[in-house]
Amino acid sequence: MGFLRWIIGFLTAVIVVLFALGNRHIITLNLLPAPVSLDLPLYAIGLGFLLFGFILGAITVWLNMAPLRRTKRAQSRTIKTLEKQLKAVNQNTESDTKALTKKA
């Protein structure tokens, strides 16, 4: 699985580099409500919007997974409590078994 991840990462990097090399033209980006204009390469604008979309998607997924993370934390606490109780029961059972074998 890790090898497949490396291949996909390498292919993605190659595609990004090819995109940047093919779109080096300088364009003027006007931010109309404000009197600001930027002279940027086309690939910088494209990759900037791609990065913005990635970050927005990551935040959305993180917020939507909050209930699942909360449930998982509660289940982990319950599991730890139950494991402690089981250990205590097993210790009591072992001590009772030892006591019975000594009497017999």
PDB file of N, CA and C in Angstrom:
ATOM      1  N   MET A   1       0.822  -1.196   0.000  1.00  0.00           N
ATOM      2  CA  MET A   1       0.000   0.000   0.000  1.00  0.00           C
ATOM      3  C   MET A   1       0.866   1.260   0.000  1.00  0.00           C
ATOM      4  N   GLY A   2       1.974   1.226   0.745  1.00  0.00           N
ATOM      5  CA  GLY A   2       2.863   2.376   0.778  1.00  0.00           C
ATOM      6  C   GLY A   2       3.501   2.646  -0.570  1.00  0.00           C
ATOM      7  N   PHE A   3       3.824   1.568  -1.299  1.00  0.00           N
ATOM      8  CA  PHE A   3       4.416   1.711  -2.624  1.00  0.00           C
ATOM      9  C   PHE A   3       3.442   2.404  -3.571  1.00  0.00           C
ATOM     10  N   LEU A   4       2.177   2.025  -3.489  1.00  0.00           N
ATOM     11  CA  LEU A   4       1.152   2.646  -4.329  1.00  0.00           C
ATOM     12  C   LEU A   4       1.013   4.124  -3.997  1.00  0.00           C
ATOM     13  N   ARG A   5       1.120   4.465  -2.724  1.00  0.00           N
ATOM     14  CA  ARG A   5       1.051   5.862  -2.301  1.00  0.00           C
ATOM     15  C   ARG A   5       2.202   6.671  -2.889  1.00  0.00           C
ATOM     16  N   TRP A   6       3.404   6.087  -2.895  1.00  0.00           N
ATOM     17  CA  TRP A   6       4.566   6.761  -3.471  1.00  0.00           C
ATOM     18  C   TRP A   6       4.388   6.979  -4.970  1.00  0.00           C
ATOM     19  N   ILE A   7       3.851   5.988  -5.656  1.00  0.00           N
ATOM     20  CA  ILE A   7       3.638   6.127  -7.106  1.00  0.00           C
ATOM     21  C   ILE A   7       2.640   7.240  -7.395  1.00  0.00           C
ATOM     22  N   ILE A   8       1.533   7.258  -6.671  1.00  0.00           N
ATOM     23  CA  ILE A   8       0.516   8.287  -6.879  1.00  0.00           C
ATOM     24  C   ILE A   8       1.075   9.669  -6.538  1.00  0.00           C
ATOM     25  N   GLY A   9       1.852   9.768  -5.459  1.00  0.00           N
ATOM     26  CA  GLY A   9       2.465  11.038  -5.096  1.00  0.00           C
ATOM     27  C   GLY A   9       3.445  11.527  -6.147  1.00  0.00           C
ATOM     28  N   PHE A  10       4.241  10.603  -6.688  1.00  0.00           N
ATOM     29  CA  PHE A  10       5.195  10.966  -7.728  1.00  0.00           C
ATOM     30  C   PHE A  10       4.473  11.444  -8.983  1.00  0.00           C
ATOM     31  N   LEU A  11       3.423  10.724  -9.391  1.00  0.00           N
ATOM     32  CA  LEU A  11       2.666  11.126 -10.580  1.00  0.00           C
ATOM     33  C   LEU A  11       1.993  12.489 -10.380  1.00  0.00           C
ATOM     34  N   THR A  12       1.492  12.731  -9.195  1.00  0.00           N
ATOM     35  CA  THR A  12       0.879  14.024  -8.902  1.00  0.00           C
ATOM     36  C   THR A  12       1.916  15.139  -8.990  1.00  0.00           C
ATOM     37  N   ALA A  13       3.109  14.901  -8.446  1.00  0.00           N
ATOM     38  CA  ALA A  13       4.168  15.908  -8.503  1.00  0.00           C
ATOM     39  C   ALA A  13       4.574  16.188  -9.948  1.00  0.00           C
ATOM     40  N   VAL A  14       4.663  15.146 -10.768  1.00  0.00           N
ATOM     41  CA  VAL A  14       5.019  15.331 -12.174  1.00  0.00           C
ATOM     42  C   VAL A  14       3.953  16.161 -12.887  1.00  0.00           C
ATOM     43  N   ILE A  15       2.694  15.878 -12.621  1.00  0.00           N
ATOM     44  CA  ILE A  15       1.602  16.625 -13.251  1.00  0.00           C
ATOM     45  C   ILE A  15       1.646  18.095 -12.834  1.00  0.00           C
ATOM     46  N   VAL A  16       1.905  18.368 -11.560  1.00  0.00           N
ATOM     47  CA  VAL A  16       1.969  19.755 -11.082  1.00  0.00           C
ATOM     48  C   VAL A  16       3.135  20.489 -11.736  1.00  0.00           C
ATOM     49  N   VAL A  17       4.282  19.827 -11.851  1.00  0.00           N
ATOM     50  CA  VAL A  17       5.445  20.460 -12.485  1.00  0.00           C
ATOM     51  C   VAL A  17       5.161  20.733 -13.962  1.00  0.00           C
ATOM     52  N   LEU A  18       4.559  19.767 -14.653  1.00  0.00           N
ATOM     53  CA  LEU A  18       4.230  19.975 -16.066  1.00  0.00           C
ATOM     54  C   LEU A  18       3.219  21.105 -16.241  1.00  0.00           C
ATOM     55  N   PHE A  19       2.260  21.189 -15.334  1.00  0.00           N
ATOM     56  CA  PHE A  19       1.284  22.276 -15.372  1.00  0.00           C
ATOM     57  C   PHE A  19       1.983  23.628 -15.197  1.00  0.00           C
ATOM     58  N   ALA A  20       2.903  23.691 -14.235  1.00  0.00           N
ATOM     59  CA  ALA A  20       3.617  24.948 -13.982  1.00  0.00           C
ATOM     60  C   ALA A  20       4.489  25.330 -15.177  1.00  0.00           C
ATOM     61  N   LEU A  21       5.139  24.356 -15.785  1.00  0.00           N
ATOM     62  CA  LEU A  21       5.989  24.663 -16.939  1.00  0.00           C
ATOM     63  C   LEU A  21       5.175  25.094 -18.148  1.00  0.00           C
ATOM     64  N   GLY A  22       3.985  24.570 -18.300  1.00  0.00           N
ATOM     65  CA  GLY A  22       3.145  24.911 -19.446  1.00  0.00           C
ATOM     66  C   GLY A  22       2.374  26.202 -19.295  1.00  0.00           C
ATOM     67  N   ASN A  23       2.315  26.751 -18.096  1.00  0.00           N
ATOM     68  CA  ASN A  23       1.508  27.949 -17.848  1.00  0.00           C
ATOM     69  C   ASN A  23       2.334  29.022 -17.145  1.00  0.00           C
ATOM     70  N   ARG A  24       3.445  29.396 -17.728  1.00  0.00           N
ATOM     71  CA  ARG A  24       4.336  30.387 -17.126  1.00  0.00           C
ATOM     72  C   ARG A  24       4.010  31.809 -17.543  1.00  0.00           C
ATOM     73  N   HIS A  25       2.990  32.015 -18.338  1.00  0.00           N
ATOM     74  CA  HIS A  25       2.660  33.361 -18.817  1.00  0.00           C
ATOM     75  C   HIS A  25       2.222  34.244 -17.657  1.00  0.00           C
ATOM     76  N   ILE A  26       2.658  35.476 -17.679  1.00  0.00           N
ATOM     77  CA  ILE A  26       2.279  36.439 -16.648  1.00  0.00           C
ATOM     78  C   ILE A  26       0.936  37.051 -17.033  1.00  0.00           C
ATOM     79  N   ILE A  27       0.008  37.038 -16.085  1.00  0.00           N
ATOM     80  CA  ILE A  27      -1.299  37.671 -16.312  1.00  0.00           C
ATOM     81  C   ILE A  27      -1.558  38.655 -15.173  1.00  0.00           C
ATOM     82  N   THR A  28      -2.466  39.572 -15.423  1.00  0.00           N
ATOM     83  CA  THR A  28      -2.835  40.554 -14.405  1.00  0.00           C
ATOM     84  C   THR A  28      -4.141  40.115 -13.764  1.00  0.00           C
ATOM     85  N   LEU A  29      -4.112  39.974 -12.460  1.00  0.00           N
ATOM     86  CA  LEU A  29      -5.288  39.586 -11.695  1.00  0.00           C
ATOM     87  C   LEU A  29      -5.821  40.836 -11.016  1.00  0.00           C
ATOM     88  N   ASN A  30      -7.038  41.248 -11.404  1.00  0.00           N
ATOM     89  CA  ASN A  30      -7.671  42.424 -10.819  1.00  0.00           C
ATOM     90  C   ASN A  30      -8.658  41.988  -9.747  1.00  0.00           C
ATOM     91  N   LEU A  31      -8.495  42.512  -8.565  1.00  0.00           N
ATOM     92  CA  LEU A  31      -9.429  42.240  -7.478  1.00  0.00           C
ATOM     93  C   LEU A  31     -10.369  43.438  -7.421  1.00  0.00           C
ATOM     94  N   LEU A  32     -11.477  43.338  -8.143  1.00  0.00           N
ATOM     95  CA  LEU A  32     -12.283  44.495  -8.490  1.00  0.00           C
ATOM     96  C   LEU A  32     -12.854  45.341  -7.351  1.00  0.00           C
ATOM     97  N   PRO A  33     -13.420  44.797  -6.311  1.00  0.00           N
ATOM     98  CA  PRO A  33     -13.925  45.739  -5.307  1.00  0.00           C
ATOM     99  C   PRO A  33     -12.812  46.609  -4.730  1.00  0.00           C
ATOM    100  N   ALA A  34     -11.628  46.054  -4.631  1.00  0.00           N
ATOM    101  CA  ALA A  34     -10.487  46.821  -4.136  1.00  0.00           C
ATOM    102  C   ALA A  34      -9.636  47.234  -5.335  1.00  0.00           C
ATOM    103  N   PRO A  35      -9.004  48.371  -5.257  1.00  0.00           N
ATOM    104  CA  PRO A  35      -8.173  48.806  -6.386  1.00  0.00           C
ATOM    105  C   PRO A  35      -6.807  48.116  -6.374  1.00  0.00           C
ATOM    106  N   VAL A  36      -6.823  46.788  -6.409  1.00  0.00           N
ATOM    107  CA  VAL A  36      -5.587  46.010  -6.337  1.00  0.00           C
ATOM    108  C   VAL A  36      -5.475  45.169  -7.597  1.00  0.00           C
ATOM    109  N   SER A  37      -4.317  45.177  -8.199  1.00  0.00           N
ATOM    110  CA  SER A  37      -4.061  44.288  -9.317  1.00  0.00           C
ATOM    111  C   SER A  37      -2.702  43.635  -9.109  1.00  0.00           C
ATOM    112  N   LEU A  38      -2.635  42.351  -9.399  1.00  0.00           N
ATOM    113  CA  LEU A  38      -1.416  41.580  -9.196  1.00  0.00           C
ATOM    114  C   LEU A  38      -0.965  40.995 -10.524  1.00  0.00           C
ATOM    115  N   ASP A  39       0.312  41.055 -10.799  1.00  0.00           N
ATOM    116  CA  ASP A  39       0.886  40.397 -11.962  1.00  0.00           C
ATOM    117  C   ASP A  39       1.502  39.081 -11.488  1.00  0.00           C
ATOM    118  N   LEU A  40       0.851  37.993 -11.848  1.00  0.00           N
ATOM    119  CA  LEU A  40       1.274  36.668 -11.399  1.00  0.00           C
ATOM    120  C   LEU A  40       1.350  35.711 -12.577  1.00  0.00           C
ATOM    121  N   PRO A  41       2.168  34.672 -12.450  1.00  0.00           N
ATOM    122  CA  PRO A  41       2.133  33.631 -13.471  1.00  0.00           C
ATOM    123  C   PRO A  41       0.820  32.859 -13.366  1.00  0.00           C
ATOM    124  N   LEU A  42       0.354  32.356 -14.493  1.00  0.00           N
ATOM    125  CA  LEU A  42      -0.929  31.656 -14.531  1.00  0.00           C
ATOM    126  C   LEU A  42      -0.921  30.425 -13.629  1.00  0.00           C
ATOM    127  N   TYR A  43       0.210  29.706 -13.581  1.00  0.00           N
ATOM    128  CA  TYR A  43       0.245  28.501 -12.755  1.00  0.00           C
ATOM    129  C   TYR A  43       0.094  28.834 -11.275  1.00  0.00           C
ATOM    130  N   ALA A  44       0.591  29.992 -10.835  1.00  0.00           N
ATOM    131  CA  ALA A  44       0.471  30.370  -9.426  1.00  0.00           C
ATOM    132  C   ALA A  44      -0.990  30.580  -9.051  1.00  0.00           C
ATOM    133  N   ILE A  45      -1.748  31.170  -9.945  1.00  0.00           N
ATOM    134  CA  ILE A  45      -3.178  31.379  -9.671  1.00  0.00           C
ATOM    135  C   ILE A  45      -3.911  30.046  -9.646  1.00  0.00           C
ATOM    136  N   GLY A  46      -3.614  29.198 -10.618  1.00  0.00           N
ATOM    137  CA  GLY A  46      -4.266  27.883 -10.668  1.00  0.00           C
ATOM    138  C   GLY A  46      -3.943  27.039  -9.455  1.00  0.00           C
ATOM    139  N   LEU A  47      -2.667  26.976  -9.093  1.00  0.00           N
ATOM    140  CA  LEU A  47      -2.272  26.183  -7.922  1.00  0.00           C
ATOM    141  C   LEU A  47      -2.779  26.810  -6.629  1.00  0.00           C
ATOM    142  N   GLY A  48      -2.886  28.137  -6.601  1.00  0.00           N
ATOM    143  CA  GLY A  48      -3.439  28.806  -5.421  1.00  0.00           C
ATOM    144  C   GLY A  48      -4.902  28.428  -5.197  1.00  0.00           C
ATOM    145  N   PHE A  49      -5.680  28.432  -6.290  1.00  0.00           N
ATOM    146  CA  PHE A  49      -7.078  28.026  -6.159  1.00  0.00           C
ATOM    147  C   PHE A  49      -7.198  26.543  -5.807  1.00  0.00           C
ATOM    148  N   LEU A  50      -6.311  25.723  -6.333  1.00  0.00           N
ATOM    149  CA  LEU A  50      -6.305  24.302  -5.996  1.00  0.00           C
ATOM    150  C   LEU A  50      -5.999  24.110  -4.512  1.00  0.00           C
ATOM    151  N   LEU A  51      -5.024  24.841  -4.004  1.00  0.00           N
ATOM    152  CA  LEU A  51      -4.689  24.776  -2.590  1.00  0.00           C
ATOM    153  C   LEU A  51      -5.843  25.269  -1.722  1.00  0.00           C
ATOM    154  N   PHE A  52      -6.479  26.358  -2.146  1.00  0.00           N
ATOM    155  CA  PHE A  52      -7.630  26.886  -1.406  1.00  0.00           C
ATOM    156  C   PHE A  52      -8.749  25.844  -1.339  1.00  0.00           C
ATOM    157  N   GLY A  53      -9.027  25.177  -2.450  1.00  0.00           N
ATOM    158  CA  GLY A  53     -10.058  24.140  -2.469  1.00  0.00           C
ATOM    159  C   GLY A  53      -9.699  22.954  -1.593  1.00  0.00           C
ATOM    160  N   PHE A  54      -8.421  22.571  -1.593  1.00  0.00           N
ATOM    161  CA  PHE A  54      -7.975  21.464  -0.745  1.00  0.00           C
ATOM    162  C   PHE A  54      -8.166  21.803   0.726  1.00  0.00           C
ATOM    163  N   ILE A  55      -7.750  23.010   1.115  1.00  0.00           N
ATOM    164  CA  ILE A  55      -7.886  23.419   2.516  1.00  0.00           C
ATOM    165  C   ILE A  55      -9.358  23.520   2.916  1.00  0.00           C
ATOM    166  N   LEU A  56     -10.182  24.077   2.051  1.00  0.00           N
ATOM    167  CA  LEU A  56     -11.613  24.177   2.343  1.00  0.00           C
ATOM    168  C   LEU A  56     -12.240  22.788   2.494  1.00  0.00           C
ATOM    169  N   GLY A  57     -11.867  21.860   1.626  1.00  0.00           N
ATOM    170  CA  GLY A  57     -12.373  20.496   1.725  1.00  0.00           C
ATOM    171  C   GLY A  57     -11.906  19.798   2.987  1.00  0.00           C
ATOM    172  N   ALA A  58     -10.639  20.010   3.365  1.00  0.00           N
ATOM    173  CA  ALA A  58     -10.114  19.386   4.578  1.00  0.00           C
ATOM    174  C   ALA A  58     -10.838  19.901   5.817  1.00  0.00           C
ATOM    175  N   ILE A  59     -11.100  21.202   5.855  1.00  0.00           N
ATOM    176  CA  ILE A  59     -11.838  21.772   6.996  1.00  0.00           C
ATOM    177  C   ILE A  59     -13.253  21.211   7.052  1.00  0.00           C
ATOM    178  N   THR A  60     -13.894  21.088   5.905  1.00  0.00           N
ATOM    179  CA  THR A  60     -15.257  20.553   5.856  1.00  0.00           C
ATOM    180  C   THR A  60     -15.302  19.115   6.360  1.00  0.00           C
ATOM    181  N   VAL A  61     -14.366  18.290   5.914  1.00  0.00           N
ATOM    182  CA  VAL A  61     -14.323  16.894   6.367  1.00  0.00           C
ATOM    183  C   VAL A  61     -14.037  16.836   7.862  1.00  0.00           C
ATOM    184  N   TRP A  62     -13.103  17.650   8.335  1.00  0.00           N
ATOM    185  CA  TRP A  62     -12.766  17.646   9.752  1.00  0.00           C
ATOM    186  C   TRP A  62     -13.972  18.014  10.604  1.00  0.00           C
ATOM    187  N   LEU A  63     -14.735  19.034  10.172  1.00  0.00           N
ATOM    188  CA  LEU A  63     -15.930  19.441  10.925  1.00  0.00           C
ATOM    189  C   LEU A  63     -17.023  18.379  10.865  1.00  0.00           C
ATOM    190  N   ASN A  64     -17.183  17.729   9.723  1.00  0.00           N
ATOM    191  CA  ASN A  64     -18.220  16.709   9.604  1.00  0.00           C
ATOM    192  C   ASN A  64     -17.885  15.434  10.369  1.00  0.00           C
ATOM    193  N   MET A  65     -16.611  15.193  10.632  1.00  0.00           N
ATOM    194  CA  MET A  65     -16.210  13.986  11.358  1.00  0.00           C
ATOM    195  C   MET A  65     -16.174  14.191  12.869  1.00  0.00           C
ATOM    196  N   ALA A  66     -16.480  15.384  13.348  1.00  0.00           N
ATOM    197  CA  ALA A  66     -16.433  15.667  14.786  1.00  0.00           C
ATOM    198  C   ALA A  66     -17.324  14.731  15.601  1.00  0.00           C
ATOM    199  N   PRO A  67     -18.581  14.457  15.193  1.00  0.00           N
ATOM    200  CA  PRO A  67     -19.389  13.526  15.989  1.00  0.00           C
ATOM    201  C   PRO A  67     -18.776  12.121  16.053  1.00  0.00           C
ATOM    202  N   LEU A  68     -18.189  11.672  14.979  1.00  0.00           N
ATOM    203  CA  LEU A  68     -17.571  10.348  14.969  1.00  0.00           C
ATOM    204  C   LEU A  68     -16.368  10.307  15.907  1.00  0.00           C
ATOM    205  N   ARG A  69     -15.558  11.357  15.909  1.00  0.00           N
ATOM    206  CA  ARG A  69     -14.409  11.412  16.813  1.00  0.00           C
ATOM    207  C   ARG A  69     -14.871  11.430  18.271  1.00  0.00           C
ATOM    208  N   ARG A  70     -15.950  12.158  18.549  1.00  0.00           N
ATOM    209  CA  ARG A  70     -16.492  12.219  19.907  1.00  0.00           C
ATOM    210  C   ARG A  70     -16.962  10.834  20.351  1.00  0.00           C
ATOM    211  N   THR A  71     -17.658  10.124  19.473  1.00  0.00           N
ATOM    212  CA  THR A  71     -18.140   8.778  19.786  1.00  0.00           C
ATOM    213  C   THR A  71     -16.967   7.834  20.016  1.00  0.00           C
ATOM    214  N   LYS A  72     -15.954   7.944  19.200  1.00  0.00           N
ATOM    215  CA  LYS A  72     -14.785   7.071  19.344  1.00  0.00           C
ATOM    216  C   LYS A  72     -14.081   7.318  20.670  1.00  0.00           C
ATOM    217  N   ARG A  73     -13.953   8.574  21.087  1.00  0.00           N
ATOM    218  CA  ARG A  73     -13.330   8.873  22.377  1.00  0.00           C
ATOM    219  C   ARG A  73     -14.153   8.271  23.517  1.00  0.00           C
ATOM    220  N   ALA A  74     -15.476   8.387  23.437  1.00  0.00           N
ATOM    221  CA  ALA A  74     -16.335   7.822  24.490  1.00  0.00           C
ATOM    222  C   ALA A  74     -16.200   6.299  24.519  1.00  0.00           C
ATOM    223  N   GLN A  75     -16.134   5.670  23.356  1.00  0.00           N
ATOM    224  CA  GLN A  75     -15.969   4.218  23.303  1.00  0.00           C
ATOM    225  C   GLN A  75     -14.618   3.801  23.866  1.00  0.00           C
ATOM    226  N   SER A  76     -13.585   4.569  23.603  1.00  0.00           N
ATOM    227  CA  SER A  76     -12.250   4.256  24.144  1.00  0.00           C
ATOM    228  C   SER A  76     -12.267   4.322  25.669  1.00  0.00           C
ATOM    229  N   ARG A  77     -12.938   5.343  26.212  1.00  0.00           N
ATOM    230  CA  ARG A  77     -13.038   5.442  27.671  1.00  0.00           C
ATOM    231  C   ARG A  77     -13.809   4.249  28.241  1.00  0.00           C
ATOM    232  N   THR A  78     -14.893   3.862  27.584  1.00  0.00           N
ATOM    233  CA  THR A  78     -15.685   2.727  28.046  1.00  0.00           C
ATOM    234  C   THR A  78     -14.868   1.445  27.989  1.00  0.00           C
ATOM    235  N   ILE A  79     -14.109   1.260  26.927  1.00  0.00           N
ATOM    236  CA  ILE A  79     -13.282   0.063  26.788  1.00  0.00           C
ATOM    237  C   ILE A  79     -12.245   0.005  27.895  1.00  0.00           C
ATOM    238  N   LYS A  80     -11.596   1.117  28.200  1.00  0.00           N
ATOM    239  CA  LYS A  80     -10.598   1.130  29.271  1.00  0.00           C
ATOM    240  C   LYS A  80     -11.229   0.784  30.616  1.00  0.00           C
ATOM    241  N   THR A  81     -12.407   1.341  30.882  1.00  0.00           N
ATOM    242  CA  THR A  81     -13.102   1.047  32.132  1.00  0.00           C
ATOM    243  C   THR A  81     -13.457  -0.433  32.214  1.00  0.00           C
ATOM    244  N   LEU A  82     -13.982  -0.978  31.131  1.00  0.00           N
ATOM    245  CA  LEU A  82     -14.361  -2.390  31.122  1.00  0.00           C
ATOM    246  C   LEU A  82     -13.141  -3.304  31.249  1.00  0.00           C
ATOM    247  N   GLU A  83     -12.025  -2.921  30.648  1.00  0.00           N
ATOM    248  CA  GLU A  83     -10.805  -3.721  30.783  1.00  0.00           C
ATOM    249  C   GLU A  83     -10.315  -3.730  32.226  1.00  0.00           C
ATOM    250  N   LYS A  84     -10.402  -2.591  32.920  1.00  0.00           N
ATOM    251  CA  LYS A  84     -10.006  -2.531  34.331  1.00  0.00           C
ATOM    252  C   LYS A  84     -10.918  -3.414  35.177  1.00  0.00           C
ATOM    253  N   GLN A  85     -12.221  -3.356  34.894  1.00  0.00           N
ATOM    254  CA  GLN A  85     -13.163  -4.192  35.632  1.00  0.00           C
ATOM    255  C   GLN A  85     -12.901  -5.672  35.380  1.00  0.00           C
ATOM    256  N   LEU A  86     -12.619  -6.037  34.151  1.00  0.00           N
ATOM    257  CA  LEU A  86     -12.338  -7.427  33.812  1.00  0.00           C
ATOM    258  C   LEU A  86     -11.068  -7.908  34.491  1.00  0.00           C
ATOM    259  N   LYS A  87     -10.059  -7.047  34.539  1.00  0.00           N
ATOM    260  CA  LYS A  87      -8.812  -7.405  35.215  1.00  0.00           C
ATOM    261  C   LYS A  87      -9.063  -7.639  36.698  1.00  0.00           C
ATOM    262  N   ALA A  88      -9.871  -6.775  37.306  1.00  0.00           N
ATOM    263  CA  ALA A  88     -10.190  -6.935  38.727  1.00  0.00           C
ATOM    264  C   ALA A  88     -10.957  -8.235  38.962  1.00  0.00           C
ATOM    265  N   VAL A  89     -11.902  -8.550  38.112  1.00  0.00           N
ATOM    266  CA  VAL A  89     -12.672  -9.790  38.248  1.00  0.00           C
ATOM    267  C   VAL A  89     -11.748 -10.996  38.084  1.00  0.00           C
ATOM    268  N   ASN A  90     -10.861 -10.943  37.103  1.00  0.00           N
ATOM    269  CA  ASN A  90      -9.927 -12.055  36.894  1.00  0.00           C
ATOM    270  C   ASN A  90      -9.005 -12.245  38.090  1.00  0.00           C
ATOM    271  N   GLN A  91      -8.559 -11.142  38.706  1.00  0.00           N
ATOM    272  CA  GLN A  91      -7.696 -11.249  39.882  1.00  0.00           C
ATOM    273  C   GLN A  91      -8.457 -11.847  41.056  1.00  0.00           C
ATOM    274  N   ASN A  92      -9.723 -11.438  41.217  1.00  0.00           N
ATOM    275  CA  ASN A  92     -10.545 -11.994  42.299  1.00  0.00           C
ATOM    276  C   ASN A  92     -10.794 -13.476  42.066  1.00  0.00           C
ATOM    277  N   THR A  93     -11.045 -13.859  40.826  1.00  0.00           N
ATOM    278  CA  THR A  93     -11.295 -15.259  40.505  1.00  0.00           C
ATOM    279  C   THR A  93     -10.051 -16.099  40.764  1.00  0.00           C
ATOM    280  N   GLU A  94      -8.878 -15.574  40.398  1.00  0.00           N
ATOM    281  CA  GLU A  94      -7.635 -16.301  40.629  1.00  0.00           C
ATOM    282  C   GLU A  94      -7.376 -16.478  42.119  1.00  0.00           C
ATOM    283  N   SER A  95      -7.622 -15.424  42.891  1.00  0.00           N
ATOM    284  CA  SER A  95      -7.378 -15.532  44.339  1.00  0.00           C
ATOM    285  C   SER A  95      -8.386 -16.489  44.969  1.00  0.00           C
ATOM    286  N   ASP A  96      -9.632 -16.506  44.504  1.00  0.00           N
ATOM    287  CA  ASP A  96     -10.623 -17.446  45.016  1.00  0.00           C
ATOM    288  C   ASP A  96     -10.239 -18.874  44.652  1.00  0.00           C
ATOM    289  N   THR A  97      -9.736 -19.083  43.455  1.00  0.00           N
ATOM    290  CA  THR A  97      -9.342 -20.419  43.005  1.00  0.00           C
ATOM    291  C   THR A  97      -8.158 -20.918  43.832  1.00  0.00           C
ATOM    292  N   LYS A  98      -7.199 -20.048  44.118  1.00  0.00           N
ATOM    293  CA  LYS A  98      -6.043 -20.418  44.922  1.00  0.00           C
ATOM    294  C   LYS A  98      -6.469 -20.767  46.343  1.00  0.00           C
ATOM    295  N   ALA A  99      -7.422 -19.996  46.880  1.00  0.00           N
ATOM    296  CA  ALA A  99      -7.904 -20.241  48.231  1.00  0.00           C
ATOM    297  C   ALA A  99      -8.623 -21.585  48.297  1.00  0.00           C
ATOM    298  N   LEU A 100      -9.397 -21.922  47.275  1.00  0.00           N
ATOM    299  CA  LEU A 100     -10.120 -23.190  47.258  1.00  0.00           C
ATOM    300  C   LEU A 100      -9.159 -24.377  47.122  1.00  0.00           C
ATOM    301  N   THR A 101      -8.111 -24.214  46.324  1.00  0.00           N
ATOM    302  CA  THR A 101      -7.164 -25.315  46.135  1.00  0.00           C
ATOM    303  C   THR A 101      -6.345 -25.535  47.396  1.00  0.00           C
ATOM    304  N   LYS A 102      -6.079 -24.507  48.182  1.00  0.00           N
ATOM    305  CA  LYS A 102      -5.342 -24.670  49.424  1.00  0.00           C
ATOM    306  C   LYS A 102      -6.175 -25.413  50.470  1.00  0.00           C
ATOM    307  N   LYS A 103      -7.494 -25.162  50.486  1.00  0.00           N
ATOM    308  CA  LYS A 103      -8.377 -25.821  51.453  1.00  0.00           C
ATOM    309  C   LYS A 103      -8.554 -27.288  51.122  1.00  0.00           C
ATOM    310  N   ALA A 104      -8.486 -27.613  49.853  1.00  0.00           N
ATOM    311  CA  ALA A 104      -8.738 -29.002  49.452  1.00  0.00           C
ATOM    312  C   ALA A 104      -7.544 -29.872  49.585  1.00  0.00           C
TER     313      ALA A 104
END
